[in-house]
Amino acid sequence: MTSKFVLKLYVTGQTPRTERAIQNLRRICEQNLGSQYQLFVIDVLEQPHLAEQERILATPTLIKELPPPVRRIIGDLSDTLKVLQGLDLPIHPSSTGGTQE
């Protein structure tokens, strides 16, 4: 994989939903991207100006900035298939086995 993924995950505080979204995203990235990604977790309570710039209306929201096109995924990222599709990643039969509720 030649291009590195740049991902921004917007969350609200340290809640179970936030922790679940971070864990789900890290698992998906490690399984499918290896070291070819940069992940920034942005708490909208601590940095509301960043959320306003990106027009974040709900959290958690994942924004894939690179490679283009920019994509947004809203939710706790527990639907692995939806996340892979949103990131434009190939879907392997083994990729969908680790979904959490």
PDB file of N, CA and C in Angstrom:
ATOM      1  N   MET A   1       0.859  -1.174   0.000  1.00  0.00           N
ATOM      2  CA  MET A   1       0.000   0.000   0.000  1.00  0.00           C
ATOM      3  C   MET A   1       0.901   1.231   0.000  1.00  0.00           C
ATOM      4  N   THR A   2       0.741   2.108  -0.942  1.00  0.00           N
ATOM      5  CA  THR A   2       1.661   3.224  -1.080  1.00  0.00           C
ATOM      6  C   THR A   2       1.192   4.466  -0.342  1.00  0.00           C
ATOM      7  N   SER A   3      -0.096   4.716  -0.271  1.00  0.00           N
ATOM      8  CA  SER A   3      -0.548   5.944   0.366  1.00  0.00           C
ATOM      9  C   SER A   3      -0.976   5.679   1.803  1.00  0.00           C
ATOM     10  N   LYS A   4      -0.619   6.610   2.661  1.00  0.00           N
ATOM     11  CA  LYS A   4      -0.944   6.499   4.073  1.00  0.00           C
ATOM     12  C   LYS A   4      -2.330   7.087   4.316  1.00  0.00           C
ATOM     13  N   PHE A   5      -3.097   6.442   5.168  1.00  0.00           N
ATOM     14  CA  PHE A   5      -4.418   6.934   5.527  1.00  0.00           C
ATOM     15  C   PHE A   5      -4.284   7.953   6.651  1.00  0.00           C
ATOM     16  N   VAL A   6      -5.016   9.050   6.540  1.00  0.00           N
ATOM     17  CA  VAL A   6      -5.090  10.042   7.609  1.00  0.00           C
ATOM     18  C   VAL A   6      -6.539  10.050   8.077  1.00  0.00           C
ATOM     19  N   LEU A   7      -6.727   9.656   9.338  1.00  0.00           N
ATOM     20  CA  LEU A   7      -8.062   9.497   9.909  1.00  0.00           C
ATOM     21  C   LEU A   7      -8.214  10.396  11.123  1.00  0.00           C
ATOM     22  N   LYS A   8      -9.379  11.045  11.217  1.00  0.00           N
ATOM     23  CA  LYS A   8      -9.691  11.862  12.387  1.00  0.00           C
ATOM     24  C   LYS A   8     -10.986  11.340  12.992  1.00  0.00           C
ATOM     25  N   LEU A   9     -10.916  10.984  14.269  1.00  0.00           N
ATOM     26  CA  LEU A   9     -12.091  10.476  14.971  1.00  0.00           C
ATOM     27  C   LEU A   9     -12.515  11.528  15.983  1.00  0.00           C
ATOM     28  N   TYR A  10     -13.711  12.074  15.775  1.00  0.00           N
ATOM     29  CA  TYR A  10     -14.264  13.079  16.682  1.00  0.00           C
ATOM     30  C   TYR A  10     -15.148  12.377  17.708  1.00  0.00           C
ATOM     31  N   VAL A  11     -14.856  12.617  18.994  1.00  0.00           N
ATOM     32  CA  VAL A  11     -15.581  11.971  20.089  1.00  0.00           C
ATOM     33  C   VAL A  11     -16.009  13.041  21.100  1.00  0.00           C
ATOM     34  N   THR A  12     -16.878  12.635  22.033  1.00  0.00           N
ATOM     35  CA  THR A  12     -17.328  13.527  23.089  1.00  0.00           C
ATOM     36  C   THR A  12     -16.990  12.902  24.429  1.00  0.00           C
ATOM     37  N   GLY A  13     -15.914  13.370  25.051  1.00  0.00           N
ATOM     38  CA  GLY A  13     -15.534  12.893  26.375  1.00  0.00           C
ATOM     39  C   GLY A  13     -15.069  11.448  26.398  1.00  0.00           C
ATOM     40  N   GLN A  14     -14.816  10.963  27.614  1.00  0.00           N
ATOM     41  CA  GLN A  14     -14.353   9.587  27.815  1.00  0.00           C
ATOM     42  C   GLN A  14     -15.525   8.713  28.232  1.00  0.00           C
ATOM     43  N   THR A  15     -16.370   8.365  27.291  1.00  0.00           N
ATOM     44  CA  THR A  15     -17.553   7.558  27.573  1.00  0.00           C
ATOM     45  C   THR A  15     -17.337   6.136  27.052  1.00  0.00           C
ATOM     46  N   PRO A  16     -18.179   5.190  27.479  1.00  0.00           N
ATOM     47  CA  PRO A  16     -18.077   3.834  26.922  1.00  0.00           C
ATOM     48  C   PRO A  16     -18.215   3.827  25.398  1.00  0.00           C
ATOM     49  N   ARG A  17     -19.080   4.666  24.862  1.00  0.00           N
ATOM     50  CA  ARG A  17     -19.258   4.748  23.403  1.00  0.00           C
ATOM     51  C   ARG A  17     -17.979   5.242  22.727  1.00  0.00           C
ATOM     52  N   THR A  18     -17.336   6.228  23.336  1.00  0.00           N
ATOM     53  CA  THR A  18     -16.067   6.741  22.811  1.00  0.00           C
ATOM     54  C   THR A  18     -15.004   5.651  22.818  1.00  0.00           C
ATOM     55  N   GLU A  19     -14.858   4.975  23.950  1.00  0.00           N
ATOM     56  CA  GLU A  19     -13.853   3.916  24.065  1.00  0.00           C
ATOM     57  C   GLU A  19     -14.109   2.800  23.056  1.00  0.00           C
ATOM     58  N   ARG A  20     -15.371   2.442  22.865  1.00  0.00           N
ATOM     59  CA  ARG A  20     -15.730   1.383  21.912  1.00  0.00           C
ATOM     60  C   ARG A  20     -15.358   1.799  20.495  1.00  0.00           C
ATOM     61  N   ALA A  21     -15.650   3.052  20.142  1.00  0.00           N
ATOM     62  CA  ALA A  21     -15.321   3.541  18.798  1.00  0.00           C
ATOM     63  C   ALA A  21     -13.816   3.515  18.561  1.00  0.00           C
ATOM     64  N   ILE A  22     -13.038   3.957  19.555  1.00  0.00           N
ATOM     65  CA  ILE A  22     -11.580   3.974  19.414  1.00  0.00           C
ATOM     66  C   ILE A  22     -11.045   2.549  19.279  1.00  0.00           C
ATOM     67  N   GLN A  23     -11.514   1.644  20.125  1.00  0.00           N
ATOM     68  CA  GLN A  23     -11.061   0.250  20.060  1.00  0.00           C
ATOM     69  C   GLN A  23     -11.426  -0.388  18.722  1.00  0.00           C
ATOM     70  N   ASN A  24     -12.664  -0.178  18.267  1.00  0.00           N
ATOM     71  CA  ASN A  24     -13.093  -0.754  16.996  1.00  0.00           C
ATOM     72  C   ASN A  24     -12.255  -0.224  15.844  1.00  0.00           C
ATOM     73  N   LEU A  25     -12.014   1.077  15.828  1.00  0.00           N
ATOM     74  CA  LEU A  25     -11.244   1.668  14.737  1.00  0.00           C
ATOM     75  C   LEU A  25      -9.797   1.181  14.755  1.00  0.00           C
ATOM     76  N   ARG A  26      -9.187   1.137  15.923  1.00  0.00           N
ATOM     77  CA  ARG A  26      -7.796   0.657  16.001  1.00  0.00           C
ATOM     78  C   ARG A  26      -7.685  -0.785  15.528  1.00  0.00           C
ATOM     79  N   ARG A  27      -8.657  -1.625  15.919  1.00  0.00           N
ATOM     80  CA  ARG A  27      -8.645  -3.025  15.499  1.00  0.00           C
ATOM     81  C   ARG A  27      -8.755  -3.125  13.975  1.00  0.00           C
ATOM     82  N   ILE A  28      -9.679  -2.395  13.403  1.00  0.00           N
ATOM     83  CA  ILE A  28      -9.882  -2.427  11.951  1.00  0.00           C
ATOM     84  C   ILE A  28      -8.631  -1.921  11.230  1.00  0.00           C
ATOM     85  N   CYS A  29      -8.040  -0.846  11.720  1.00  0.00           N
ATOM     86  CA  CYS A  29      -6.840  -0.288  11.082  1.00  0.00           C
ATOM     87  C   CYS A  29      -5.664  -1.247  11.175  1.00  0.00           C
ATOM     88  N   GLU A  30      -5.439  -1.830  12.344  1.00  0.00           N
ATOM     89  CA  GLU A  30      -4.320  -2.763  12.510  1.00  0.00           C
ATOM     90  C   GLU A  30      -4.484  -3.978  11.599  1.00  0.00           C
ATOM     91  N   GLN A  31      -5.707  -4.497  11.485  1.00  0.00           N
ATOM     92  CA  GLN A  31      -5.951  -5.679  10.661  1.00  0.00           C
ATOM     93  C   GLN A  31      -5.864  -5.387   9.173  1.00  0.00           C
ATOM     94  N   ASN A  32      -6.212  -4.170   8.764  1.00  0.00           N
ATOM     95  CA  ASN A  32      -6.334  -3.882   7.338  1.00  0.00           C
ATOM     96  C   ASN A  32      -5.317  -2.888   6.794  1.00  0.00           C
ATOM     97  N   LEU A  33      -4.711  -2.092   7.660  1.00  0.00           N
ATOM     98  CA  LEU A  33      -3.774  -1.072   7.192  1.00  0.00           C
ATOM     99  C   LEU A  33      -2.366  -1.246   7.733  1.00  0.00           C
ATOM    100  N   GLY A  34      -2.198  -2.088   8.746  1.00  0.00           N
ATOM    101  CA  GLY A  34      -0.881  -2.242   9.345  1.00  0.00           C
ATOM    102  C   GLY A  34      -0.408  -0.932   9.931  1.00  0.00           C
ATOM    103  N   SER A  35       0.735  -0.459   9.466  1.00  0.00           N
ATOM    104  CA  SER A  35       1.268   0.814   9.963  1.00  0.00           C
ATOM    105  C   SER A  35       1.001   1.958   8.985  1.00  0.00           C
ATOM    106  N   GLN A  36       0.168   1.732   7.995  1.00  0.00           N
ATOM    107  CA  GLN A  36      -0.051   2.726   6.935  1.00  0.00           C
ATOM    108  C   GLN A  36      -1.181   3.706   7.265  1.00  0.00           C
ATOM    109  N   TYR A  37      -1.235   4.152   8.522  1.00  0.00           N
ATOM    110  CA  TYR A  37      -2.275   5.122   8.868  1.00  0.00           C
ATOM    111  C   TYR A  37      -1.823   6.010  10.019  1.00  0.00           C
ATOM    112  N   GLN A  38      -2.420   7.194  10.058  1.00  0.00           N
ATOM    113  CA  GLN A  38      -2.266   8.114  11.173  1.00  0.00           C
ATOM    114  C   GLN A  38      -3.664   8.352  11.719  1.00  0.00           C
ATOM    115  N   LEU A  39      -3.825   8.195  13.021  1.00  0.00           N
ATOM    116  CA  LEU A  39      -5.121   8.386  13.652  1.00  0.00           C
ATOM    117  C   LEU A  39      -5.030   9.526  14.651  1.00  0.00           C
ATOM    118  N   PHE A  40      -5.936  10.484  14.508  1.00  0.00           N
ATOM    119  CA  PHE A  40      -6.050  11.595  15.436  1.00  0.00           C
ATOM    120  C   PHE A  40      -7.407  11.484  16.111  1.00  0.00           C
ATOM    121  N   VAL A  41      -7.407  11.422  17.440  1.00  0.00           N
ATOM    122  CA  VAL A  41      -8.655  11.387  18.198  1.00  0.00           C
ATOM    123  C   VAL A  41      -8.869  12.784  18.765  1.00  0.00           C
ATOM    124  N   ILE A  42      -9.990  13.397  18.414  1.00  0.00           N
ATOM    125  CA  ILE A  42     -10.270  14.776  18.789  1.00  0.00           C
ATOM    126  C   ILE A  42     -11.526  14.802  19.659  1.00  0.00           C
ATOM    127  N   ASP A  43     -11.372  15.274  20.884  1.00  0.00           N
ATOM    128  CA  ASP A  43     -12.497  15.398  21.809  1.00  0.00           C
ATOM    129  C   ASP A  43     -13.143  16.757  21.566  1.00  0.00           C
ATOM    130  N   VAL A  44     -14.397  16.751  21.141  1.00  0.00           N
ATOM    131  CA  VAL A  44     -15.074  18.003  20.798  1.00  0.00           C
ATOM    132  C   VAL A  44     -15.323  18.879  22.032  1.00  0.00           C
ATOM    133  N   LEU A  45     -15.283  18.287  23.217  1.00  0.00           N
ATOM    134  CA  LEU A  45     -15.428  19.082  24.434  1.00  0.00           C
ATOM    135  C   LEU A  45     -14.158  19.886  24.703  1.00  0.00           C
ATOM    136  N   GLU A  46     -13.008  19.343  24.325  1.00  0.00           N
ATOM    137  CA  GLU A  46     -11.727  20.016  24.545  1.00  0.00           C
ATOM    138  C   GLU A  46     -11.350  20.932  23.389  1.00  0.00           C
ATOM    139  N   GLN A  47     -11.805  20.597  22.180  1.00  0.00           N
ATOM    140  CA  GLN A  47     -11.444  21.382  20.992  1.00  0.00           C
ATOM    141  C   GLN A  47     -12.682  21.646  20.130  1.00  0.00           C
ATOM    142  N   PRO A  48     -13.634  22.403  20.673  1.00  0.00           N
ATOM    143  CA  PRO A  48     -14.887  22.628  19.932  1.00  0.00           C
ATOM    144  C   PRO A  48     -14.689  23.348  18.603  1.00  0.00           C
ATOM    145  N   HIS A  49     -13.643  24.167  18.490  1.00  0.00           N
ATOM    146  CA  HIS A  49     -13.399  24.886  17.236  1.00  0.00           C
ATOM    147  C   HIS A  49     -13.091  23.926  16.086  1.00  0.00           C
ATOM    148  N   LEU A  50     -12.407  22.813  16.382  1.00  0.00           N
ATOM    149  CA  LEU A  50     -12.116  21.835  15.326  1.00  0.00           C
ATOM    150  C   LEU A  50     -13.395  21.145  14.863  1.00  0.00           C
ATOM    151  N   ALA A  51     -14.253  20.824  15.812  1.00  0.00           N
ATOM    152  CA  ALA A  51     -15.533  20.196  15.461  1.00  0.00           C
ATOM    153  C   ALA A  51     -16.387  21.154  14.639  1.00  0.00           C
ATOM    154  N   GLU A  52     -16.334  22.420  14.991  1.00  0.00           N
ATOM    155  CA  GLU A  52     -17.108  23.418  14.255  1.00  0.00           C
ATOM    156  C   GLU A  52     -16.580  23.562  12.830  1.00  0.00           C
ATOM    157  N   GLN A  53     -15.255  23.578  12.669  1.00  0.00           N
ATOM    158  CA  GLN A  53     -14.655  23.689  11.333  1.00  0.00           C
ATOM    159  C   GLN A  53     -15.082  22.534  10.435  1.00  0.00           C
ATOM    160  N   GLU A  54     -15.161  21.334  11.017  1.00  0.00           N
ATOM    161  CA  GLU A  54     -15.512  20.138  10.240  1.00  0.00           C
ATOM    162  C   GLU A  54     -17.026  19.907  10.182  1.00  0.00           C
ATOM    163  N   ARG A  55     -17.777  20.789  10.847  1.00  0.00           N
ATOM    164  CA  ARG A  55     -19.245  20.670  10.887  1.00  0.00           C
ATOM    165  C   ARG A  55     -19.678  19.309  11.455  1.00  0.00           C
ATOM    166  N   ILE A  56     -19.101  18.950  12.577  1.00  0.00           N
ATOM    167  CA  ILE A  56     -19.440  17.701  13.250  1.00  0.00           C
ATOM    168  C   ILE A  56     -20.760  17.898  13.984  1.00  0.00           C
ATOM    169  N   LEU A  57     -21.769  17.098  13.634  1.00  0.00           N
ATOM    170  CA  LEU A  57     -23.083  17.207  14.249  1.00  0.00           C
ATOM    171  C   LEU A  57     -23.367  16.078  15.227  1.00  0.00           C
ATOM    172  N   ALA A  58     -22.641  14.973  15.093  1.00  0.00           N
ATOM    173  CA  ALA A  58     -22.848  13.813  15.965  1.00  0.00           C
ATOM    174  C   ALA A  58     -21.489  13.173  16.233  1.00  0.00           C
ATOM    175  N   THR A  59     -21.378  12.536  17.398  1.00  0.00           N
ATOM    176  CA  THR A  59     -20.151  11.814  17.702  1.00  0.00           C
ATOM    177  C   THR A  59     -20.508  10.413  18.142  1.00  0.00           C
ATOM    178  N   PRO A  60     -19.623   9.455  17.948  1.00  0.00           N
ATOM    179  CA  PRO A  60     -18.352   9.559  17.237  1.00  0.00           C
ATOM    180  C   PRO A  60     -18.555   9.732  15.726  1.00  0.00           C
ATOM    181  N   THR A  61     -17.694  10.529  15.118  1.00  0.00           N
ATOM    182  CA  THR A  61     -17.642  10.689  13.662  1.00  0.00           C
ATOM    183  C   THR A  61     -16.210  10.476  13.213  1.00  0.00           C
ATOM    184  N   LEU A  62     -16.035   9.590  12.245  1.00  0.00           N
ATOM    185  CA  LEU A  62     -14.727   9.342  11.660  1.00  0.00           C
ATOM    186  C   LEU A  62     -14.654  10.040  10.313  1.00  0.00           C
ATOM    187  N   ILE A  63     -13.582  10.800  10.106  1.00  0.00           N
ATOM    188  CA  ILE A  63     -13.348  11.435   8.804  1.00  0.00           C
ATOM    189  C   ILE A  63     -12.064  10.862   8.230  1.00  0.00           C
ATOM    190  N   LYS A  64     -12.174  10.299   7.026  1.00  0.00           N
ATOM    191  CA  LYS A  64     -10.988   9.838   6.291  1.00  0.00           C
ATOM    192  C   LYS A  64     -10.574  10.994   5.392  1.00  0.00           C
ATOM    193  N   GLU A  65      -9.457  11.625   5.723  1.00  0.00           N
ATOM    194  CA  GLU A  65      -8.987  12.762   4.929  1.00  0.00           C
ATOM    195  C   GLU A  65      -8.142  12.325   3.748  1.00  0.00           C
ATOM    196  N   LEU A  66      -7.280  11.352   3.966  1.00  0.00           N
ATOM    197  CA  LEU A  66      -6.427  10.836   2.899  1.00  0.00           C
ATOM    198  C   LEU A  66      -6.469   9.317   2.933  1.00  0.00           C
ATOM    199  N   PRO A  67      -6.347   8.654   1.831  1.00  0.00           N
ATOM    200  CA  PRO A  67      -6.352   9.204   0.474  1.00  0.00           C
ATOM    201  C   PRO A  67      -7.764   9.653   0.079  1.00  0.00           C
ATOM    202  N   PRO A  68      -7.849  10.545  -0.926  1.00  0.00           N
ATOM    203  CA  PRO A  68      -9.158  11.011  -1.380  1.00  0.00           C
ATOM    204  C   PRO A  68      -9.979   9.855  -1.936  1.00  0.00           C
ATOM    205  N   PRO A  69     -11.282   9.971  -1.956  1.00  0.00           N
ATOM    206  CA  PRO A  69     -12.098  11.108  -1.521  1.00  0.00           C
ATOM    207  C   PRO A  69     -12.287  11.114  -0.012  1.00  0.00           C
ATOM    208  N   VAL A  70     -12.594  12.312   0.523  1.00  0.00           N
ATOM    209  CA  VAL A  70     -12.899  12.439   1.948  1.00  0.00           C
ATOM    210  C   VAL A  70     -14.184  11.674   2.229  1.00  0.00           C
ATOM    211  N   ARG A  71     -14.179  10.919   3.309  1.00  0.00           N
ATOM    212  CA  ARG A  71     -15.362  10.135   3.698  1.00  0.00           C
ATOM    213  C   ARG A  71     -15.651  10.370   5.163  1.00  0.00           C
ATOM    214  N   ARG A  72     -16.946  10.252   5.532  1.00  0.00           N
ATOM    215  CA  ARG A  72     -17.386  10.362   6.923  1.00  0.00           C
ATOM    216  C   ARG A  72     -18.165   9.119   7.309  1.00  0.00           C
ATOM    217  N   ILE A  73     -17.894   8.644   8.514  1.00  0.00           N
ATOM    218  CA  ILE A  73     -18.629   7.504   9.061  1.00  0.00           C
ATOM    219  C   ILE A  73     -19.058   7.912  10.468  1.00  0.00           C
ATOM    220  N   ILE A  74     -20.342   7.798  10.752  1.00  0.00           N
ATOM    221  CA  ILE A  74     -20.874   8.184  12.056  1.00  0.00           C
ATOM    222  C   ILE A  74     -21.272   6.927  12.819  1.00  0.00           C
ATOM    223  N   GLY A  75     -20.948   6.886  14.110  1.00  0.00           N
ATOM    224  CA  GLY A  75     -21.333   5.762  14.953  1.00  0.00           C
ATOM    225  C   GLY A  75     -20.130   5.203  15.686  1.00  0.00           C
ATOM    226  N   ASP A  76     -20.346   4.102  16.426  1.00  0.00           N
ATOM    227  CA  ASP A  76     -19.270   3.548  17.249  1.00  0.00           C
ATOM    228  C   ASP A  76     -18.331   2.621  16.477  1.00  0.00           C
ATOM    229  N   LEU A  77     -18.531   2.533  15.159  1.00  0.00           N
ATOM    230  CA  LEU A  77     -17.643   1.792  14.257  1.00  0.00           C
ATOM    231  C   LEU A  77     -17.624   0.293  14.540  1.00  0.00           C
ATOM    232  N   SER A  78     -18.712  -0.214  15.120  1.00  0.00           N
ATOM    233  CA  SER A  78     -18.783  -1.647  15.423  1.00  0.00           C
ATOM    234  C   SER A  78     -19.159  -2.471  14.192  1.00  0.00           C
ATOM    235  N   ASP A  79     -19.681  -1.833  13.156  1.00  0.00           N
ATOM    236  CA  ASP A  79     -20.021  -2.531  11.913  1.00  0.00           C
ATOM    237  C   ASP A  79     -18.780  -2.511  11.008  1.00  0.00           C
ATOM    238  N   THR A  80     -17.963  -3.544  11.129  1.00  0.00           N
ATOM    239  CA  THR A  80     -16.693  -3.602  10.403  1.00  0.00           C
ATOM    240  C   THR A  80     -16.894  -3.449   8.901  1.00  0.00           C
ATOM    241  N   LEU A  81     -17.882  -4.096   8.349  1.00  0.00           N
ATOM    242  CA  LEU A  81     -18.138  -4.020   6.913  1.00  0.00           C
ATOM    243  C   LEU A  81     -18.407  -2.580   6.479  1.00  0.00           C
ATOM    244  N   LYS A  82     -19.230  -1.870   7.249  1.00  0.00           N
ATOM    245  CA  LYS A  82     -19.544  -0.470   6.939  1.00  0.00           C
ATOM    246  C   LYS A  82     -18.288   0.395   6.999  1.00  0.00           C
ATOM    247  N   VAL A  83     -17.436   0.147   7.983  1.00  0.00           N
ATOM    248  CA  VAL A  83     -16.205   0.933   8.121  1.00  0.00           C
ATOM    249  C   VAL A  83     -15.266   0.655   6.950  1.00  0.00           C
ATOM    250  N   LEU A  84     -15.096  -0.625   6.592  1.00  0.00           N
ATOM    251  CA  LEU A  84     -14.231  -0.962   5.453  1.00  0.00           C
ATOM    252  C   LEU A  84     -14.732  -0.311   4.172  1.00  0.00           C
ATOM    253  N   GLN A  85     -16.042  -0.337   3.962  1.00  0.00           N
ATOM    254  CA  GLN A  85     -16.606   0.306   2.771  1.00  0.00           C
ATOM    255  C   GLN A  85     -16.378   1.810   2.821  1.00  0.00           C
ATOM    256  N   GLY A  86     -16.555   2.407   3.992  1.00  0.00           N
ATOM    257  CA  GLY A  86     -16.364   3.846   4.141  1.00  0.00           C
ATOM    258  C   GLY A  86     -14.930   4.284   3.920  1.00  0.00           C
ATOM    259  N   LEU A  87     -13.996   3.397   4.238  1.00  0.00           N
ATOM    260  CA  LEU A  87     -12.580   3.705   4.038  1.00  0.00           C
ATOM    261  C   LEU A  87     -12.082   3.286   2.658  1.00  0.00           C
ATOM    262  N   ASP A  88     -12.980   2.733   1.842  1.00  0.00           N
ATOM    263  CA  ASP A  88     -12.621   2.244   0.504  1.00  0.00           C
ATOM    264  C   ASP A  88     -11.562   1.156   0.569  1.00  0.00           C
ATOM    265  N   LEU A  89     -11.697   0.259   1.551  1.00  0.00           N
ATOM    266  CA  LEU A  89     -10.759  -0.853   1.691  1.00  0.00           C
ATOM    267  C   LEU A  89     -11.376  -2.127   1.142  1.00  0.00           C
ATOM    268  N   PRO A  90     -10.536  -3.014   0.615  1.00  0.00           N
ATOM    269  CA  PRO A  90     -11.064  -4.290   0.122  1.00  0.00           C
ATOM    270  C   PRO A  90     -11.640  -5.096   1.282  1.00  0.00           C
ATOM    271  N   ILE A  91     -12.707  -5.803   0.999  1.00  0.00           N
ATOM    272  CA  ILE A  91     -13.385  -6.589   2.015  1.00  0.00           C
ATOM    273  C   ILE A  91     -13.014  -8.046   1.829  1.00  0.00           C
ATOM    274  N   HIS A  92     -12.345  -8.607   2.843  1.00  0.00           N
ATOM    275  CA  HIS A  92     -11.963 -10.014   2.839  1.00  0.00           C
ATOM    276  C   HIS A  92     -12.908 -10.754   3.768  1.00  0.00           C
ATOM    277  N   PRO A  93     -13.199 -12.015   3.486  1.00  0.00           N
ATOM    278  CA  PRO A  93     -14.095 -12.764   4.360  1.00  0.00           C
ATOM    279  C   PRO A  93     -13.668 -12.750   5.828  1.00  0.00           C
ATOM    280  N   SER A  94     -12.363 -12.718   6.101  1.00  0.00           N
ATOM    281  CA  SER A  94     -11.899 -12.724   7.479  1.00  0.00           C
ATOM    282  C   SER A  94     -12.043 -11.352   8.151  1.00  0.00           C
ATOM    283  N   SER A  95     -12.218 -10.297   7.343  1.00  0.00           N
ATOM    284  CA  SER A  95     -12.289  -8.956   7.890  1.00  0.00           C
ATOM    285  C   SER A  95     -13.557  -8.700   8.690  1.00  0.00           C
ATOM    286  N   THR A  96     -14.627  -9.393   8.367  1.00  0.00           N
ATOM    287  CA  THR A  96     -15.901  -9.093   9.007  1.00  0.00           C
ATOM    288  C   THR A  96     -16.157  -9.967  10.219  1.00  0.00           C
ATOM    289  N   GLY A  97     -15.262 -10.871  10.521  1.00  0.00           N
ATOM    290  CA  GLY A  97     -15.488 -11.808  11.620  1.00  0.00           C
ATOM    291  C   GLY A  97     -15.347 -11.210  12.991  1.00  0.00           C
ATOM    292  N   GLY A  98     -14.670 -10.088  13.139  1.00  0.00           N
ATOM    293  CA  GLY A  98     -14.390  -9.567  14.467  1.00  0.00           C
ATOM    294  C   GLY A  98     -15.297  -8.450  14.907  1.00  0.00           C
ATOM    295  N   THR A  99     -16.515  -8.376  14.419  1.00  0.00           N
ATOM    296  CA  THR A  99     -17.392  -7.277  14.812  1.00  0.00           C
ATOM    297  C   THR A  99     -17.804  -7.426  16.252  1.00  0.00           C
ATOM    298  N   GLN A 100     -17.971  -6.272  16.901  1.00  0.00           N
ATOM    299  CA  GLN A 100     -18.433  -6.250  18.282  1.00  0.00           C
ATOM    300  C   GLN A 100     -19.785  -5.576  18.326  1.00  0.00           C
ATOM    301  N   GLU A 101     -20.504  -5.823  19.428  1.00  0.00           N
ATOM    302  CA  GLU A 101     -21.822  -5.207  19.535  1.00  0.00           C
ATOM    303  C   GLU A 101     -21.747  -3.954  20.356  1.00  0.00           C
TER     304      GLU A 101
END
